[in-house]
N, C-alpha and C. Protein backbone atom coordinates (compact mmCIF):
# COMPACT_ATOMS: atom_id res chain seq x y z
N UNK A 1 -8.48 4.55 -36.57
CA UNK A 1 -8.27 3.72 -35.40
C UNK A 1 -8.91 2.35 -35.61
N UNK A 2 -8.18 1.30 -35.29
CA UNK A 2 -8.71 -0.06 -35.41
C UNK A 2 -9.77 -0.30 -34.36
N UNK A 3 -10.61 -1.24 -34.65
CA UNK A 3 -11.69 -1.61 -33.74
C UNK A 3 -11.56 -3.09 -33.41
N UNK A 4 -12.18 -3.50 -32.33
CA UNK A 4 -12.21 -4.93 -31.99
C UNK A 4 -12.88 -5.73 -33.10
N UNK A 5 -13.72 -5.07 -33.88
CA UNK A 5 -14.42 -5.75 -34.97
C UNK A 5 -13.49 -6.15 -36.10
N UNK A 6 -12.27 -5.62 -36.09
CA UNK A 6 -11.28 -6.00 -37.11
C UNK A 6 -10.60 -7.33 -36.76
N UNK A 7 -10.78 -7.80 -35.53
CA UNK A 7 -10.15 -9.05 -35.11
C UNK A 7 -10.92 -10.24 -35.65
N UNK A 8 -10.23 -11.14 -36.31
CA UNK A 8 -10.88 -12.32 -36.89
C UNK A 8 -11.51 -13.17 -35.78
N UNK A 9 -10.85 -13.24 -34.62
CA UNK A 9 -11.41 -14.01 -33.50
C UNK A 9 -12.78 -13.46 -33.11
N UNK A 10 -12.90 -12.14 -33.06
CA UNK A 10 -14.19 -11.53 -32.72
C UNK A 10 -15.22 -11.83 -33.81
N UNK A 11 -14.81 -11.75 -35.08
CA UNK A 11 -15.73 -12.01 -36.18
C UNK A 11 -16.27 -13.44 -36.14
N UNK A 12 -15.39 -14.40 -35.86
CA UNK A 12 -15.82 -15.79 -35.76
C UNK A 12 -16.73 -15.97 -34.54
N UNK A 13 -16.36 -15.35 -33.43
CA UNK A 13 -17.20 -15.43 -32.23
C UNK A 13 -18.59 -14.86 -32.51
N UNK A 14 -18.65 -13.78 -33.28
CA UNK A 14 -19.95 -13.20 -33.62
C UNK A 14 -20.78 -14.18 -34.44
N UNK A 15 -20.15 -14.89 -35.36
CA UNK A 15 -20.86 -15.92 -36.14
C UNK A 15 -21.43 -17.00 -35.23
N UNK A 16 -20.64 -17.39 -34.24
CA UNK A 16 -21.08 -18.42 -33.30
C UNK A 16 -22.28 -17.92 -32.49
N UNK A 17 -22.21 -16.68 -32.03
CA UNK A 17 -23.33 -16.11 -31.28
C UNK A 17 -24.59 -16.10 -32.13
N UNK A 18 -24.47 -15.63 -33.35
CA UNK A 18 -25.62 -15.55 -34.24
C UNK A 18 -26.23 -16.94 -34.47
N UNK A 19 -25.38 -17.90 -34.79
CA UNK A 19 -25.85 -19.26 -35.02
C UNK A 19 -26.45 -19.89 -33.78
N UNK A 20 -25.85 -19.61 -32.63
CA UNK A 20 -26.35 -20.15 -31.36
C UNK A 20 -27.73 -19.57 -31.04
N UNK A 21 -27.87 -18.26 -31.18
CA UNK A 21 -29.16 -17.64 -30.89
C UNK A 21 -30.24 -18.12 -31.86
N UNK A 22 -29.87 -18.30 -33.11
CA UNK A 22 -30.83 -18.84 -34.09
C UNK A 22 -31.27 -20.25 -33.69
N UNK A 23 -30.30 -21.07 -33.30
CA UNK A 23 -30.60 -22.47 -32.95
C UNK A 23 -31.46 -22.55 -31.70
N UNK A 24 -31.11 -21.77 -30.69
CA UNK A 24 -31.87 -21.86 -29.44
C UNK A 24 -33.27 -21.30 -29.59
N UNK A 25 -33.42 -20.26 -30.39
CA UNK A 25 -34.78 -19.72 -30.57
C UNK A 25 -35.63 -20.62 -31.45
N UNK A 26 -35.02 -21.27 -32.43
CA UNK A 26 -35.76 -22.16 -33.33
C UNK A 26 -36.18 -23.46 -32.66
N UNK A 27 -35.42 -23.90 -31.68
CA UNK A 27 -35.67 -25.21 -31.07
C UNK A 27 -35.99 -25.11 -29.59
N UNK A 28 -36.42 -23.92 -29.17
CA UNK A 28 -36.68 -23.70 -27.75
C UNK A 28 -37.85 -24.56 -27.27
N UNK A 29 -37.67 -25.06 -26.08
CA UNK A 29 -38.71 -25.81 -25.38
C UNK A 29 -38.42 -25.65 -23.90
N UNK A 30 -39.45 -25.57 -23.06
CA UNK A 30 -39.18 -25.37 -21.62
C UNK A 30 -38.19 -26.38 -21.03
N UNK A 31 -38.20 -27.60 -21.50
CA UNK A 31 -37.28 -28.60 -20.95
C UNK A 31 -35.83 -28.33 -21.33
N UNK A 32 -35.60 -27.50 -22.33
CA UNK A 32 -34.24 -27.18 -22.79
C UNK A 32 -33.74 -25.85 -22.23
N UNK A 33 -34.59 -25.17 -21.46
CA UNK A 33 -34.28 -23.81 -21.00
C UNK A 33 -32.91 -23.69 -20.36
N UNK A 34 -32.59 -24.53 -19.40
CA UNK A 34 -31.33 -24.39 -18.66
C UNK A 34 -30.11 -24.55 -19.55
N UNK A 35 -30.11 -25.59 -20.36
CA UNK A 35 -28.94 -25.82 -21.22
C UNK A 35 -28.85 -24.74 -22.30
N UNK A 36 -29.98 -24.30 -22.84
CA UNK A 36 -29.95 -23.24 -23.85
C UNK A 36 -29.50 -21.91 -23.26
N UNK A 37 -29.94 -21.61 -22.03
CA UNK A 37 -29.47 -20.38 -21.37
C UNK A 37 -27.96 -20.40 -21.20
N UNK A 38 -27.43 -21.54 -20.76
CA UNK A 38 -25.98 -21.67 -20.56
C UNK A 38 -25.24 -21.59 -21.89
N UNK A 39 -25.80 -22.21 -22.91
CA UNK A 39 -25.22 -22.18 -24.24
C UNK A 39 -25.13 -20.74 -24.75
N UNK A 40 -26.20 -19.99 -24.60
CA UNK A 40 -26.21 -18.59 -25.04
C UNK A 40 -25.22 -17.75 -24.24
N UNK A 41 -25.17 -17.95 -22.92
CA UNK A 41 -24.24 -17.18 -22.09
C UNK A 41 -22.78 -17.46 -22.47
N UNK A 42 -22.47 -18.72 -22.71
CA UNK A 42 -21.09 -19.06 -23.08
C UNK A 42 -20.72 -18.42 -24.41
N UNK A 43 -21.61 -18.51 -25.39
CA UNK A 43 -21.34 -17.92 -26.71
C UNK A 43 -21.15 -16.40 -26.59
N UNK A 44 -22.05 -15.76 -25.87
CA UNK A 44 -21.94 -14.31 -25.70
C UNK A 44 -20.66 -13.91 -24.98
N UNK A 45 -20.27 -14.71 -24.00
CA UNK A 45 -19.06 -14.42 -23.23
C UNK A 45 -17.82 -14.38 -24.11
N UNK A 46 -17.76 -15.27 -25.07
CA UNK A 46 -16.59 -15.28 -25.97
C UNK A 46 -16.50 -13.96 -26.72
N UNK A 47 -17.57 -13.61 -27.42
CA UNK A 47 -17.57 -12.40 -28.24
C UNK A 47 -17.36 -11.15 -27.38
N UNK A 48 -18.09 -11.06 -26.29
CA UNK A 48 -18.05 -9.83 -25.48
C UNK A 48 -16.74 -9.66 -24.73
N UNK A 49 -16.12 -10.75 -24.30
CA UNK A 49 -14.83 -10.61 -23.63
C UNK A 49 -13.72 -10.21 -24.58
N UNK A 50 -13.79 -10.66 -25.82
CA UNK A 50 -12.81 -10.20 -26.81
C UNK A 50 -12.98 -8.69 -26.99
N UNK A 51 -14.21 -8.24 -27.15
CA UNK A 51 -14.48 -6.82 -27.36
C UNK A 51 -14.06 -5.98 -26.16
N UNK A 52 -14.44 -6.42 -24.97
CA UNK A 52 -14.12 -5.65 -23.77
C UNK A 52 -12.61 -5.59 -23.53
N UNK A 53 -11.94 -6.72 -23.70
CA UNK A 53 -10.50 -6.73 -23.50
C UNK A 53 -9.78 -5.81 -24.47
N UNK A 54 -10.22 -5.84 -25.72
CA UNK A 54 -9.62 -4.97 -26.73
C UNK A 54 -9.84 -3.50 -26.36
N UNK A 55 -11.03 -3.19 -25.87
CA UNK A 55 -11.38 -1.82 -25.52
C UNK A 55 -10.56 -1.29 -24.34
N UNK A 56 -10.05 -2.17 -23.53
CA UNK A 56 -9.25 -1.74 -22.37
C UNK A 56 -7.95 -1.07 -22.81
N UNK A 57 -7.48 -1.39 -24.01
CA UNK A 57 -6.36 -0.66 -24.60
C UNK A 57 -4.98 -0.97 -24.06
N UNK A 58 -4.84 -1.95 -23.19
CA UNK A 58 -3.53 -2.31 -22.66
C UNK A 58 -3.37 -3.82 -22.75
N UNK A 59 -2.14 -4.27 -22.93
CA UNK A 59 -1.93 -5.71 -23.13
C UNK A 59 -2.41 -6.60 -21.97
N UNK A 60 -2.13 -6.22 -20.74
CA UNK A 60 -2.47 -7.08 -19.61
C UNK A 60 -3.99 -7.30 -19.49
N UNK A 61 -4.81 -6.25 -19.49
CA UNK A 61 -6.26 -6.49 -19.42
C UNK A 61 -6.78 -7.25 -20.64
N UNK A 62 -6.20 -6.98 -21.80
CA UNK A 62 -6.63 -7.70 -23.01
C UNK A 62 -6.34 -9.19 -22.85
N UNK A 63 -5.14 -9.52 -22.37
CA UNK A 63 -4.80 -10.93 -22.12
C UNK A 63 -5.78 -11.59 -21.16
N UNK A 64 -6.10 -10.88 -20.07
CA UNK A 64 -7.02 -11.45 -19.09
C UNK A 64 -8.39 -11.74 -19.71
N UNK A 65 -8.88 -10.80 -20.50
CA UNK A 65 -10.19 -11.00 -21.14
C UNK A 65 -10.12 -12.09 -22.20
N UNK A 66 -9.00 -12.19 -22.89
CA UNK A 66 -8.84 -13.27 -23.86
C UNK A 66 -8.83 -14.63 -23.18
N UNK A 67 -8.23 -14.71 -22.01
CA UNK A 67 -8.23 -15.98 -21.26
C UNK A 67 -9.66 -16.36 -20.89
N UNK A 68 -10.44 -15.38 -20.47
CA UNK A 68 -11.85 -15.64 -20.14
C UNK A 68 -12.60 -16.07 -21.39
N UNK A 69 -12.36 -15.37 -22.50
CA UNK A 69 -13.00 -15.73 -23.77
C UNK A 69 -12.63 -17.15 -24.17
N UNK A 70 -11.37 -17.50 -23.99
CA UNK A 70 -10.93 -18.86 -24.34
C UNK A 70 -11.64 -19.90 -23.48
N UNK A 71 -11.68 -19.65 -22.19
CA UNK A 71 -12.36 -20.60 -21.29
C UNK A 71 -13.83 -20.73 -21.64
N UNK A 72 -14.46 -19.62 -21.98
CA UNK A 72 -15.87 -19.66 -22.39
C UNK A 72 -16.04 -20.42 -23.69
N UNK A 73 -15.08 -20.31 -24.60
CA UNK A 73 -15.18 -21.03 -25.86
C UNK A 73 -15.01 -22.53 -25.65
N UNK A 74 -14.21 -22.93 -24.68
CA UNK A 74 -14.09 -24.35 -24.34
C UNK A 74 -15.41 -24.84 -23.76
N UNK A 75 -15.98 -24.05 -22.85
CA UNK A 75 -17.29 -24.39 -22.29
C UNK A 75 -18.33 -24.51 -23.40
N UNK A 76 -18.31 -23.57 -24.32
CA UNK A 76 -19.25 -23.57 -25.42
C UNK A 76 -19.11 -24.83 -26.27
N UNK A 77 -17.89 -25.21 -26.57
CA UNK A 77 -17.67 -26.43 -27.36
C UNK A 77 -18.24 -27.66 -26.64
N UNK A 78 -18.03 -27.73 -25.35
CA UNK A 78 -18.58 -28.84 -24.57
C UNK A 78 -20.10 -28.85 -24.63
N UNK A 79 -20.70 -27.69 -24.47
CA UNK A 79 -22.16 -27.59 -24.54
C UNK A 79 -22.68 -27.98 -25.92
N UNK A 80 -21.97 -27.55 -26.95
CA UNK A 80 -22.41 -27.91 -28.30
C UNK A 80 -22.33 -29.40 -28.55
N UNK A 81 -21.31 -30.04 -27.98
CA UNK A 81 -21.26 -31.50 -28.09
C UNK A 81 -22.46 -32.14 -27.40
N UNK A 82 -22.82 -31.62 -26.24
CA UNK A 82 -23.96 -32.16 -25.50
C UNK A 82 -25.26 -31.97 -26.26
N UNK A 83 -25.52 -30.74 -26.72
CA UNK A 83 -26.80 -30.50 -27.40
C UNK A 83 -26.88 -31.24 -28.72
N UNK A 84 -25.74 -31.44 -29.37
CA UNK A 84 -25.73 -32.22 -30.60
C UNK A 84 -25.97 -33.69 -30.33
N UNK A 85 -25.26 -34.21 -29.33
CA UNK A 85 -25.39 -35.63 -28.99
C UNK A 85 -26.81 -35.98 -28.53
N UNK A 86 -27.43 -35.06 -27.81
CA UNK A 86 -28.79 -35.27 -27.30
C UNK A 86 -29.86 -34.78 -28.28
N UNK A 87 -29.43 -34.30 -29.44
CA UNK A 87 -30.34 -33.79 -30.49
C UNK A 87 -31.27 -32.70 -29.98
N UNK A 88 -30.75 -31.83 -29.10
CA UNK A 88 -31.53 -30.69 -28.63
C UNK A 88 -31.63 -29.63 -29.72
N UNK A 89 -30.62 -29.59 -30.57
CA UNK A 89 -30.68 -28.87 -31.84
C UNK A 89 -30.19 -29.88 -32.88
N UNK A 90 -30.50 -29.68 -34.14
CA UNK A 90 -30.06 -30.65 -35.15
C UNK A 90 -28.54 -30.86 -35.08
N UNK A 91 -28.14 -32.12 -35.16
CA UNK A 91 -26.73 -32.46 -35.02
C UNK A 91 -25.83 -31.73 -36.00
N UNK A 92 -26.30 -31.57 -37.23
CA UNK A 92 -25.50 -30.86 -38.22
C UNK A 92 -25.27 -29.41 -37.84
N UNK A 93 -26.30 -28.76 -37.31
CA UNK A 93 -26.17 -27.37 -36.88
C UNK A 93 -25.22 -27.28 -35.68
N UNK A 94 -25.39 -28.22 -34.74
CA UNK A 94 -24.49 -28.24 -33.58
C UNK A 94 -23.05 -28.44 -34.03
N UNK A 95 -22.85 -29.30 -35.01
CA UNK A 95 -21.50 -29.59 -35.51
C UNK A 95 -20.88 -28.35 -36.17
N UNK A 96 -21.67 -27.64 -36.97
CA UNK A 96 -21.17 -26.41 -37.61
C UNK A 96 -20.75 -25.39 -36.55
N UNK A 97 -21.58 -25.23 -35.53
CA UNK A 97 -21.26 -24.29 -34.46
C UNK A 97 -20.04 -24.75 -33.67
N UNK A 98 -19.93 -26.05 -33.48
CA UNK A 98 -18.77 -26.61 -32.78
C UNK A 98 -17.48 -26.29 -33.55
N UNK A 99 -17.50 -26.49 -34.84
CA UNK A 99 -16.32 -26.22 -35.67
C UNK A 99 -15.95 -24.73 -35.59
N UNK A 100 -16.95 -23.86 -35.66
CA UNK A 100 -16.69 -22.42 -35.54
C UNK A 100 -16.14 -22.08 -34.16
N UNK A 101 -16.69 -22.70 -33.14
CA UNK A 101 -16.22 -22.45 -31.78
C UNK A 101 -14.76 -22.88 -31.61
N UNK A 102 -14.41 -24.02 -32.16
CA UNK A 102 -13.02 -24.47 -32.11
C UNK A 102 -12.10 -23.53 -32.89
N UNK A 103 -12.60 -22.98 -33.98
CA UNK A 103 -11.80 -22.01 -34.74
C UNK A 103 -11.57 -20.76 -33.90
N UNK A 104 -12.62 -20.31 -33.21
CA UNK A 104 -12.48 -19.15 -32.32
C UNK A 104 -11.43 -19.44 -31.25
N UNK A 105 -11.44 -20.63 -30.70
CA UNK A 105 -10.44 -21.00 -29.68
C UNK A 105 -9.03 -20.85 -30.24
N UNK A 106 -8.81 -21.38 -31.42
CA UNK A 106 -7.48 -21.30 -32.03
C UNK A 106 -7.07 -19.85 -32.28
N UNK A 107 -8.01 -19.04 -32.73
CA UNK A 107 -7.71 -17.63 -32.99
C UNK A 107 -7.42 -16.87 -31.70
N UNK A 108 -8.15 -17.20 -30.66
CA UNK A 108 -7.90 -16.55 -29.36
C UNK A 108 -6.52 -16.92 -28.85
N UNK A 109 -6.16 -18.20 -28.97
CA UNK A 109 -4.82 -18.62 -28.54
C UNK A 109 -3.73 -17.91 -29.35
N UNK A 110 -3.97 -17.73 -30.64
CA UNK A 110 -3.01 -17.02 -31.48
C UNK A 110 -2.88 -15.56 -31.03
N UNK A 111 -3.98 -14.94 -30.69
CA UNK A 111 -3.94 -13.57 -30.17
C UNK A 111 -3.15 -13.51 -28.87
N UNK A 112 -3.41 -14.46 -27.97
CA UNK A 112 -2.67 -14.50 -26.71
C UNK A 112 -1.17 -14.63 -26.97
N UNK A 113 -0.79 -15.49 -27.88
CA UNK A 113 0.63 -15.66 -28.20
C UNK A 113 1.23 -14.37 -28.77
N UNK A 114 0.49 -13.72 -29.64
CA UNK A 114 1.02 -12.50 -30.26
C UNK A 114 1.18 -11.38 -29.24
N UNK A 115 0.30 -11.31 -28.29
CA UNK A 115 0.41 -10.28 -27.25
C UNK A 115 1.60 -10.59 -26.34
N UNK A 116 1.79 -11.86 -26.01
CA UNK A 116 2.89 -12.29 -25.16
C UNK A 116 4.24 -11.97 -25.79
N UNK A 117 4.31 -12.11 -27.12
CA UNK A 117 5.57 -11.90 -27.84
C UNK A 117 5.94 -10.43 -27.95
N UNK A 118 4.98 -9.54 -27.81
CA UNK A 118 5.28 -8.10 -27.97
C UNK A 118 5.90 -7.47 -26.77
């Protein structure tokens, strides 16, 4: 039986979560708490909504969760632009995470299209 972990979108989202948690823990400061909390929640939402939607086992709930994951990935990209621009984490690290987040967005959209076509 296939698992949600076989989905490339989930794998990329997991990379983003890992990198985000590393960045926020390495550069944590009380003044960054709110933006870092939101950054972590958005990253986690992408990965976890892909997993939960897949686990539902039906196209309609999966689509709904993918839409949430997509919206969270857009939020995440915006947050990464902010933290990079404000140097809350190193700009290069923010940029790498941004690129991965945009890749996750594209993969989620591809999944949505493939489900719609079936």
